[in-house]
Structures are given as structure tokens and as C-alpha cells.
Amino acid sequence: MKRLLYIIVLTLLSVACVPDSNSYSAFRTFADSRWVYGDTVRFVPDEIADSVVTGELVLMLRHSRGYRYSNIWLEVSTRVNDSTVVCDTVNIPLADDFGRWYGKGLGTDFMVSDTLDRNFRLVRGQMTGVRHIMRTDTLEAIEQLGLVFNPLHISE
């Protein structure tokens, strides 16, 4: 009897850990921790189950102590159809006025996250691009950029 209960509990726990089939996350690593001004990082969610899903879109950024600024300005663009692109600019603070990093991390790396949209329509195959729009050509100490999409679960 204990063995059966143990198997049921393990099965329930493993099912609870299965990600939603409409969740999406992708990360891009920058070569030599350098992000050139003209480099747009592109994310295309091809593997979501439904063709259109509404949810929360979160941007993740990993940098090291060598980053020279207290914030980063980004342009986030989403191609809606062949002729329409929706763009938004986002200012993400990375450090306070005293130079203390906001991000979490171990050692010299810090990961920050910022919710871009709580009601984002993610469309399978629709490209979302992110590029920095800082006043310098190449940002040093930027290591990784990612998008995470968490679908809304509507109670029926």
C-alpha cells in the first residue's frame, strides 16, 4: 500500500513539473560579452502548441560587473504582419545611484528581469526583435539576453 501511494505521489509531482505547451523561453549569448548597436536579437516562437496565446512577456538580461552604465535602453519590435512592425522603447535600470546592481546572481554576473507586457499576444512564428539603443556602438559586459513568455490561464 505504501509503495502504491509513493508511486502516485511521484506521478503527481512529475506531472506538476511539466511546462505548459504554450510557454516559451529562448536565450541568446553574446560572443565575447559584446553587443554591437546594429545587432538585433531575434526570437521566433515556433514550438508553442496554439497559434495565438495571450500572456506575460518578460525580458531577461545577464551582465557582468564590467558593464559601464546604470541602465540599458532597448528597442523591442514585433512583426505583426508583412507590412506592420510594432516598436517600443524600454529603459531597464540595472544599478542604483550608488552603483549597487539590482540583478541577482553569483560572483560577477547579474541577471535582471523586466516584464514588458502583461497582456502580450504571442503568435506562433511571429518574430520579436530586441536591440540596444544606447549612445555607444558596442556594449561591453552584456552576456546574455532572453525572452520568457508565460501564458495566462483563464478559469472556466
N, C-alpha and C. Protein backbone atom coordinates (compact mmCIF):
# COMPACT_ATOMS: atom_id res chain seq x y z
N MET A 1 0.82 -1.18 0.00
CA MET A 1 0.00 0.00 0.00
C MET A 1 0.88 1.26 0.00
N LYS A 2 1.94 1.28 0.81
CA LYS A 2 2.84 2.42 0.85
C LYS A 2 3.52 2.62 -0.50
N ARG A 3 3.84 1.51 -1.12
CA ARG A 3 4.50 1.58 -2.43
C ARG A 3 3.58 2.21 -3.47
N LEU A 4 2.31 1.85 -3.48
CA LEU A 4 1.33 2.41 -4.41
C LEU A 4 1.17 3.91 -4.15
N LEU A 5 1.08 4.30 -2.88
CA LEU A 5 0.95 5.70 -2.53
C LEU A 5 2.20 6.48 -2.97
N TYR A 6 3.36 5.90 -2.79
CA TYR A 6 4.61 6.52 -3.21
C TYR A 6 4.63 6.74 -4.72
N ILE A 7 4.19 5.79 -5.50
CA ILE A 7 4.15 5.90 -6.96
C ILE A 7 3.16 6.98 -7.38
N ILE A 8 2.01 7.05 -6.72
CA ILE A 8 1.00 8.07 -7.06
C ILE A 8 1.54 9.46 -6.78
N VAL A 9 2.18 9.64 -5.62
CA VAL A 9 2.74 10.94 -5.27
C VAL A 9 3.83 11.34 -6.27
N LEU A 10 4.72 10.45 -6.63
CA LEU A 10 5.77 10.75 -7.61
C LEU A 10 5.17 11.10 -8.97
N THR A 11 4.14 10.40 -9.38
CA THR A 11 3.49 10.68 -10.66
C THR A 11 2.86 12.07 -10.64
N LEU A 12 2.17 12.42 -9.57
CA LEU A 12 1.56 13.74 -9.46
C LEU A 12 2.61 14.84 -9.46
N LEU A 13 3.70 14.63 -8.77
CA LEU A 13 4.77 15.62 -8.75
C LEU A 13 5.41 15.79 -10.13
N SER A 14 5.61 14.72 -10.83
CA SER A 14 6.23 14.82 -12.16
C SER A 14 5.30 15.50 -13.15
N VAL A 15 3.99 15.28 -13.04
CA VAL A 15 3.03 15.95 -13.92
C VAL A 15 2.99 17.44 -13.60
N ALA A 16 3.10 17.79 -12.34
CA ALA A 16 3.08 19.20 -11.95
C ALA A 16 4.29 19.96 -12.48
N CYS A 17 5.38 19.27 -12.76
CA CYS A 17 6.59 19.91 -13.25
C CYS A 17 6.65 20.06 -14.76
N VAL A 18 5.69 19.51 -15.47
CA VAL A 18 5.69 19.60 -16.93
C VAL A 18 5.30 21.02 -17.33
N PRO A 19 6.13 21.70 -18.15
CA PRO A 19 5.81 23.07 -18.54
C PRO A 19 4.59 23.11 -19.45
N ASP A 20 3.91 24.25 -19.43
CA ASP A 20 2.76 24.47 -20.29
C ASP A 20 3.22 24.40 -21.75
N SER A 21 2.42 23.78 -22.61
CA SER A 21 2.82 23.63 -24.01
C SER A 21 2.81 24.95 -24.76
N ASN A 22 2.28 26.00 -24.15
CA ASN A 22 2.29 27.33 -24.76
C ASN A 22 3.31 28.25 -24.12
N SER A 23 4.11 27.74 -23.20
CA SER A 23 5.19 28.53 -22.62
C SER A 23 6.31 28.64 -23.65
N TYR A 24 7.06 29.73 -23.56
CA TYR A 24 8.17 29.93 -24.50
C TYR A 24 9.29 30.64 -23.76
N SER A 25 10.49 30.17 -23.98
CA SER A 25 11.66 30.89 -23.50
C SER A 25 12.82 30.60 -24.44
N ALA A 26 13.60 31.63 -24.68
CA ALA A 26 14.78 31.49 -25.53
C ALA A 26 15.81 32.50 -25.06
N PHE A 27 17.07 32.10 -25.08
CA PHE A 27 18.17 32.96 -24.66
C PHE A 27 19.24 32.97 -25.73
N ARG A 28 19.87 34.13 -25.91
CA ARG A 28 20.98 34.27 -26.84
C ARG A 28 22.19 34.77 -26.06
N THR A 29 23.33 34.15 -26.33
CA THR A 29 24.58 34.52 -25.69
C THR A 29 25.39 35.38 -26.65
N PHE A 30 25.98 36.46 -26.14
CA PHE A 30 26.77 37.35 -26.98
C PHE A 30 28.22 36.90 -26.98
N ALA A 31 28.78 36.81 -28.17
CA ALA A 31 30.18 36.43 -28.31
C ALA A 31 31.05 37.49 -27.64
N ASP A 32 31.99 37.06 -26.85
CA ASP A 32 32.92 37.96 -26.14
C ASP A 32 32.21 38.97 -25.26
N SER A 33 30.95 38.70 -24.86
CA SER A 33 30.17 39.59 -24.00
C SER A 33 30.07 41.00 -24.57
N ARG A 34 29.91 41.08 -25.89
CA ARG A 34 29.82 42.37 -26.59
C ARG A 34 28.56 42.40 -27.44
N TRP A 35 27.79 43.48 -27.31
CA TRP A 35 26.56 43.65 -28.09
C TRP A 35 26.73 44.88 -28.96
N VAL A 36 26.85 44.66 -30.26
CA VAL A 36 27.04 45.73 -31.24
C VAL A 36 25.69 46.39 -31.52
N TYR A 37 25.70 47.70 -31.71
CA TYR A 37 24.49 48.51 -31.88
C TYR A 37 23.56 47.95 -32.96
N GLY A 38 24.07 47.55 -34.07
CA GLY A 38 23.24 47.08 -35.19
C GLY A 38 22.74 45.66 -35.07
N ASP A 39 23.16 44.92 -34.04
CA ASP A 39 22.77 43.52 -33.89
C ASP A 39 21.41 43.40 -33.20
N THR A 40 20.40 43.04 -33.98
CA THR A 40 19.08 42.78 -33.42
C THR A 40 19.00 41.31 -33.06
N VAL A 41 18.64 41.04 -31.82
CA VAL A 41 18.47 39.67 -31.36
C VAL A 41 17.04 39.27 -31.69
N ARG A 42 16.88 38.19 -32.45
CA ARG A 42 15.56 37.78 -32.93
C ARG A 42 15.09 36.52 -32.21
N PHE A 43 13.82 36.55 -31.83
CA PHE A 43 13.18 35.42 -31.18
C PHE A 43 11.95 35.05 -31.99
N VAL A 44 11.84 33.77 -32.36
CA VAL A 44 10.69 33.29 -33.14
C VAL A 44 10.13 32.05 -32.45
N PRO A 45 8.96 32.17 -31.82
CA PRO A 45 8.37 31.03 -31.11
C PRO A 45 7.67 30.07 -32.07
N ASP A 46 8.40 29.08 -32.55
CA ASP A 46 7.82 28.10 -33.48
C ASP A 46 7.22 26.89 -32.77
N GLU A 47 7.59 26.68 -31.51
CA GLU A 47 7.24 25.43 -30.85
C GLU A 47 6.06 25.53 -29.88
N ILE A 48 5.33 26.66 -29.87
CA ILE A 48 4.16 26.72 -28.98
C ILE A 48 3.02 25.91 -29.59
N ALA A 49 2.15 25.37 -28.73
CA ALA A 49 1.07 24.48 -29.18
C ALA A 49 -0.02 25.21 -29.95
N ASP A 50 -0.50 26.32 -29.40
CA ASP A 50 -1.58 27.07 -30.05
C ASP A 50 -0.98 28.11 -30.99
N SER A 51 -1.76 28.55 -31.96
CA SER A 51 -1.24 29.53 -32.92
C SER A 51 -1.17 30.94 -32.32
N VAL A 52 -2.07 31.27 -31.39
CA VAL A 52 -2.07 32.56 -30.72
C VAL A 52 -2.35 32.33 -29.24
N VAL A 53 -1.51 32.93 -28.38
CA VAL A 53 -1.66 32.77 -26.93
C VAL A 53 -1.45 34.14 -26.29
N THR A 54 -2.23 34.45 -25.26
CA THR A 54 -2.07 35.69 -24.53
C THR A 54 -1.41 35.40 -23.19
N GLY A 55 -0.47 36.27 -22.81
CA GLY A 55 0.21 36.06 -21.54
C GLY A 55 1.19 37.16 -21.24
N GLU A 56 2.12 36.85 -20.33
CA GLU A 56 3.09 37.82 -19.84
C GLU A 56 4.42 37.62 -20.57
N LEU A 57 4.97 38.71 -21.10
CA LEU A 57 6.27 38.67 -21.78
C LEU A 57 7.31 39.33 -20.90
N VAL A 58 8.36 38.57 -20.57
CA VAL A 58 9.41 39.04 -19.66
C VAL A 58 10.75 39.01 -20.39
N LEU A 59 11.50 40.09 -20.26
CA LEU A 59 12.84 40.16 -20.82
C LEU A 59 13.84 39.87 -19.71
N MET A 60 14.83 39.04 -20.01
CA MET A 60 15.89 38.69 -19.07
C MET A 60 17.23 39.16 -19.66
N LEU A 61 18.07 39.75 -18.81
CA LEU A 61 19.36 40.25 -19.26
C LEU A 61 20.42 39.88 -18.23
N ARG A 62 21.50 39.27 -18.72
CA ARG A 62 22.61 38.91 -17.83
C ARG A 62 23.82 39.75 -18.22
N HIS A 63 24.42 40.41 -17.22
CA HIS A 63 25.60 41.24 -17.45
C HIS A 63 26.60 40.98 -16.32
N SER A 64 27.81 41.46 -16.54
CA SER A 64 28.83 41.32 -15.51
C SER A 64 29.13 42.68 -14.88
N ARG A 65 29.98 42.67 -13.86
CA ARG A 65 30.35 43.91 -13.16
C ARG A 65 31.01 44.93 -14.10
N GLY A 66 31.53 44.47 -15.20
CA GLY A 66 32.22 45.35 -16.13
C GLY A 66 31.30 46.25 -16.95
N TYR A 67 30.00 46.09 -16.81
CA TYR A 67 29.07 46.95 -17.55
C TYR A 67 29.21 48.38 -17.03
N ARG A 68 29.37 49.35 -17.93
CA ARG A 68 29.74 50.71 -17.55
C ARG A 68 28.58 51.63 -17.20
N TYR A 69 27.36 51.20 -17.41
CA TYR A 69 26.22 52.09 -17.24
C TYR A 69 25.28 51.57 -16.15
N SER A 70 24.39 52.43 -15.68
CA SER A 70 23.45 52.04 -14.63
C SER A 70 22.12 51.58 -15.21
N ASN A 71 21.97 51.65 -16.52
CA ASN A 71 20.74 51.23 -17.17
C ASN A 71 21.05 50.76 -18.59
N ILE A 72 20.00 50.33 -19.28
CA ILE A 72 20.14 49.98 -20.69
C ILE A 72 18.82 50.33 -21.38
N TRP A 73 18.94 51.01 -22.51
CA TRP A 73 17.77 51.33 -23.34
C TRP A 73 17.69 50.30 -24.45
N LEU A 74 16.49 49.74 -24.62
CA LEU A 74 16.27 48.72 -25.64
C LEU A 74 15.10 49.10 -26.53
N GLU A 75 15.16 48.65 -27.76
CA GLU A 75 14.02 48.75 -28.67
C GLU A 75 13.50 47.33 -28.89
N VAL A 76 12.23 47.12 -28.59
CA VAL A 76 11.59 45.82 -28.76
C VAL A 76 10.60 45.96 -29.90
N SER A 77 10.78 45.15 -30.94
CA SER A 77 9.89 45.23 -32.10
C SER A 77 9.27 43.87 -32.37
N THR A 78 7.99 43.91 -32.74
CA THR A 78 7.26 42.69 -33.07
C THR A 78 6.64 42.85 -34.44
N ARG A 79 6.93 41.91 -35.33
CA ARG A 79 6.34 41.96 -36.67
C ARG A 79 4.93 41.40 -36.59
N VAL A 80 3.94 42.26 -36.84
CA VAL A 80 2.54 41.87 -36.75
C VAL A 80 2.09 41.19 -38.05
N ASN A 81 2.50 41.73 -39.18
CA ASN A 81 2.24 41.09 -40.48
C ASN A 81 3.34 41.54 -41.43
N ASP A 82 3.17 41.27 -42.73
CA ASP A 82 4.23 41.57 -43.69
C ASP A 82 4.60 43.05 -43.76
N SER A 83 3.66 43.93 -43.45
CA SER A 83 3.93 45.35 -43.61
C SER A 83 3.92 46.15 -42.30
N THR A 84 3.60 45.53 -41.18
CA THR A 84 3.48 46.26 -39.93
C THR A 84 4.40 45.70 -38.85
N VAL A 85 5.18 46.61 -38.27
CA VAL A 85 6.04 46.26 -37.15
C VAL A 85 5.70 47.20 -36.01
N VAL A 86 5.46 46.66 -34.83
CA VAL A 86 5.17 47.46 -33.64
C VAL A 86 6.46 47.55 -32.82
N CYS A 87 6.88 48.81 -32.52
CA CYS A 87 8.11 49.03 -31.75
C CYS A 87 7.80 49.73 -30.44
N ASP A 88 8.61 49.42 -29.44
CA ASP A 88 8.52 50.10 -28.16
C ASP A 88 9.92 50.24 -27.61
N THR A 89 10.18 51.35 -26.92
CA THR A 89 11.46 51.52 -26.26
C THR A 89 11.29 51.25 -24.78
N VAL A 90 12.30 50.62 -24.20
CA VAL A 90 12.25 50.20 -22.81
C VAL A 90 13.55 50.62 -22.13
N ASN A 91 13.43 51.27 -20.98
CA ASN A 91 14.59 51.62 -20.16
C ASN A 91 14.61 50.67 -18.98
N ILE A 92 15.66 49.87 -18.88
CA ILE A 92 15.78 48.92 -17.77
C ILE A 92 16.89 49.39 -16.84
N PRO A 93 16.54 49.79 -15.61
CA PRO A 93 17.58 50.16 -14.65
C PRO A 93 18.33 48.92 -14.18
N LEU A 94 19.65 49.03 -14.13
CA LEU A 94 20.49 47.90 -13.72
C LEU A 94 21.20 48.14 -12.40
N ALA A 95 21.33 49.42 -12.01
CA ALA A 95 22.02 49.75 -10.75
C ALA A 95 21.38 50.98 -10.12
N ASP A 96 21.54 51.11 -8.80
CA ASP A 96 21.00 52.29 -8.12
C ASP A 96 22.01 53.43 -8.22
N ASP A 97 21.70 54.57 -7.60
CA ASP A 97 22.57 55.75 -7.68
C ASP A 97 23.94 55.54 -7.05
N PHE A 98 24.09 54.53 -6.22
CA PHE A 98 25.36 54.25 -5.57
C PHE A 98 26.15 53.13 -6.27
N GLY A 99 25.64 52.66 -7.40
CA GLY A 99 26.34 51.63 -8.17
C GLY A 99 26.08 50.20 -7.74
N ARG A 100 25.10 50.00 -6.87
CA ARG A 100 24.75 48.63 -6.46
C ARG A 100 23.84 48.02 -7.52
N TRP A 101 24.21 46.84 -7.99
CA TRP A 101 23.46 46.17 -9.05
C TRP A 101 22.13 45.65 -8.52
N TYR A 102 21.08 45.80 -9.32
CA TYR A 102 19.76 45.30 -8.95
C TYR A 102 19.63 43.80 -9.20
N GLY A 103 20.33 43.28 -10.16
CA GLY A 103 20.17 41.89 -10.56
C GLY A 103 20.60 40.90 -9.49
N LYS A 104 20.13 39.69 -9.65
CA LYS A 104 20.51 38.58 -8.78
C LYS A 104 21.59 37.77 -9.47
N GLY A 105 22.47 37.18 -8.67
CA GLY A 105 23.49 36.35 -9.28
C GLY A 105 24.59 35.99 -8.31
N LEU A 106 25.48 35.16 -8.82
CA LEU A 106 26.63 34.72 -8.04
C LEU A 106 27.89 35.29 -8.67
N GLY A 107 28.83 35.65 -7.85
CA GLY A 107 30.10 36.12 -8.37
C GLY A 107 29.97 37.45 -9.07
N THR A 108 30.42 37.49 -10.32
CA THR A 108 30.46 38.75 -11.06
C THR A 108 29.31 38.91 -12.05
N ASP A 109 28.41 37.95 -12.14
CA ASP A 109 27.30 38.01 -13.10
C ASP A 109 26.00 38.36 -12.40
N PHE A 110 25.19 39.17 -13.08
CA PHE A 110 23.91 39.59 -12.53
C PHE A 110 22.82 39.40 -13.58
N MET A 111 21.68 38.84 -13.16
CA MET A 111 20.54 38.63 -14.06
C MET A 111 19.40 39.53 -13.59
N VAL A 112 18.91 40.35 -14.52
CA VAL A 112 17.74 41.19 -14.23
C VAL A 112 16.60 40.76 -15.14
N SER A 113 15.39 40.98 -14.66
CA SER A 113 14.23 40.69 -15.48
C SER A 113 13.29 41.88 -15.43
N ASP A 114 12.57 42.08 -16.51
CA ASP A 114 11.61 43.18 -16.59
C ASP A 114 10.41 42.70 -17.39
N THR A 115 9.23 42.85 -16.81
CA THR A 115 8.01 42.46 -17.52
C THR A 115 7.71 43.53 -18.56
N LEU A 116 7.72 43.13 -19.82
CA LEU A 116 7.47 44.07 -20.91
C LEU A 116 5.98 44.28 -21.14
N ASP A 117 5.20 43.21 -21.03
CA ASP A 117 3.77 43.30 -21.31
C ASP A 117 3.05 42.18 -20.57
N ARG A 118 2.03 42.51 -19.83
CA ARG A 118 1.25 41.51 -19.10
C ARG A 118 0.11 40.93 -19.93
N ASN A 119 -0.13 41.52 -21.09
CA ASN A 119 -1.22 41.07 -21.95
C ASN A 119 -0.71 40.95 -23.40
N PHE A 120 0.42 40.25 -23.55
CA PHE A 120 1.09 40.12 -24.85
C PHE A 120 0.46 38.98 -25.64
N ARG A 121 0.22 39.24 -26.94
CA ARG A 121 -0.29 38.19 -27.83
C ARG A 121 0.88 37.55 -28.55
N LEU A 122 1.21 36.34 -28.15
CA LEU A 122 2.29 35.59 -28.77
C LEU A 122 1.70 34.78 -29.92
N VAL A 123 2.25 34.98 -31.10
CA VAL A 123 1.77 34.30 -32.30
C VAL A 123 2.87 33.36 -32.77
N ARG A 124 2.51 32.09 -33.00
CA ARG A 124 3.49 31.11 -33.47
C ARG A 124 4.13 31.61 -34.77
N GLY A 125 5.46 31.64 -34.80
CA GLY A 125 6.20 32.06 -35.99
C GLY A 125 6.39 33.57 -36.13
N GLN A 126 5.84 34.35 -35.23
CA GLN A 126 5.96 35.81 -35.30
C GLN A 126 7.25 36.26 -34.63
N MET A 127 8.07 37.01 -35.36
CA MET A 127 9.37 37.42 -34.85
C MET A 127 9.26 38.61 -33.90
N THR A 128 9.99 38.51 -32.78
CA THR A 128 10.17 39.65 -31.88
C THR A 128 11.66 39.91 -31.83
N GLY A 129 12.03 41.17 -32.09
CA GLY A 129 13.45 41.54 -32.10
C GLY A 129 13.77 42.50 -30.97
N VAL A 130 14.98 42.41 -30.46
CA VAL A 130 15.44 43.30 -29.40
C VAL A 130 16.82 43.80 -29.79
N ARG A 131 16.99 45.12 -29.73
CA ARG A 131 18.32 45.70 -29.97
C ARG A 131 18.56 46.82 -28.97
N HIS A 132 19.81 47.05 -28.63
CA HIS A 132 20.11 48.14 -27.71
C HIS A 132 20.15 49.44 -28.50
N ILE A 133 19.72 50.51 -27.84
CA ILE A 133 19.74 51.84 -28.47
C ILE A 133 20.49 52.83 -27.57
N MET A 134 21.57 52.33 -26.99
CA MET A 134 22.43 53.18 -26.18
C MET A 134 23.25 54.08 -27.11
N ARG A 135 23.87 55.11 -26.55
CA ARG A 135 24.63 56.07 -27.36
C ARG A 135 26.06 55.63 -27.65
N THR A 136 26.31 54.37 -27.51
CA THR A 136 27.64 53.83 -27.83
C THR A 136 27.44 52.67 -28.81
N ASP A 137 28.41 52.46 -29.66
CA ASP A 137 28.27 51.44 -30.68
C ASP A 137 28.24 50.02 -30.12
N THR A 138 29.16 49.72 -29.22
CA THR A 138 29.27 48.36 -28.69
C THR A 138 29.20 48.40 -27.17
N LEU A 139 28.27 47.61 -26.63
CA LEU A 139 28.16 47.48 -25.17
C LEU A 139 29.04 46.31 -24.73
N GLU A 140 29.88 46.57 -23.76
CA GLU A 140 30.74 45.54 -23.19
C GLU A 140 30.05 44.95 -21.96
N ALA A 141 30.36 43.72 -21.63
CA ALA A 141 29.91 43.03 -20.42
C ALA A 141 28.44 42.65 -20.44
N ILE A 142 27.83 42.62 -21.61
CA ILE A 142 26.48 42.08 -21.76
C ILE A 142 26.66 40.64 -22.22
N GLU A 143 26.19 39.71 -21.42
CA GLU A 143 26.48 38.31 -21.68
C GLU A 143 25.34 37.54 -22.34
N GLN A 144 24.11 37.82 -21.91
CA GLN A 144 23.00 37.01 -22.41
C GLN A 144 21.70 37.81 -22.38
N LEU A 145 20.84 37.55 -23.37
CA LEU A 145 19.53 38.18 -23.46
C LEU A 145 18.50 37.10 -23.71
N GLY A 146 17.37 37.20 -23.05
CA GLY A 146 16.34 36.19 -23.24
C GLY A 146 14.94 36.76 -23.14
N LEU A 147 14.01 36.05 -23.75
CA LEU A 147 12.58 36.34 -23.62
C LEU A 147 11.91 35.13 -23.01
N VAL A 148 11.02 35.38 -22.06
CA VAL A 148 10.25 34.32 -21.42
C VAL A 148 8.78 34.71 -21.54
N PHE A 149 7.97 33.78 -22.03
CA PHE A 149 6.54 34.01 -22.17
C PHE A 149 5.80 33.03 -21.28
N ASN A 150 4.95 33.57 -20.41
CA ASN A 150 4.12 32.75 -19.51
C ASN A 150 2.66 32.96 -19.89
N PRO A 151 1.99 31.94 -20.41
CA PRO A 151 0.60 32.11 -20.82
C PRO A 151 -0.33 32.34 -19.64
N LEU A 152 -1.38 33.12 -19.89
CA LEU A 152 -2.41 33.33 -18.88
C LEU A 152 -3.29 32.11 -18.86
N HIS A 153 -3.68 31.69 -17.67
CA HIS A 153 -4.58 30.57 -17.52
C HIS A 153 -5.93 31.11 -17.05
N ILE A 154 -6.90 31.06 -17.93
CA ILE A 154 -8.22 31.59 -17.63
C ILE A 154 -9.07 30.49 -17.05
N SER A 155 -9.63 30.74 -15.88
CA SER A 155 -10.51 29.74 -15.23
C SER A 155 -11.82 29.67 -15.98
N GLU A 156 -12.25 28.45 -16.19
CA GLU A 156 -13.51 28.25 -16.91
C GLU A 156 -14.62 27.95 -15.96
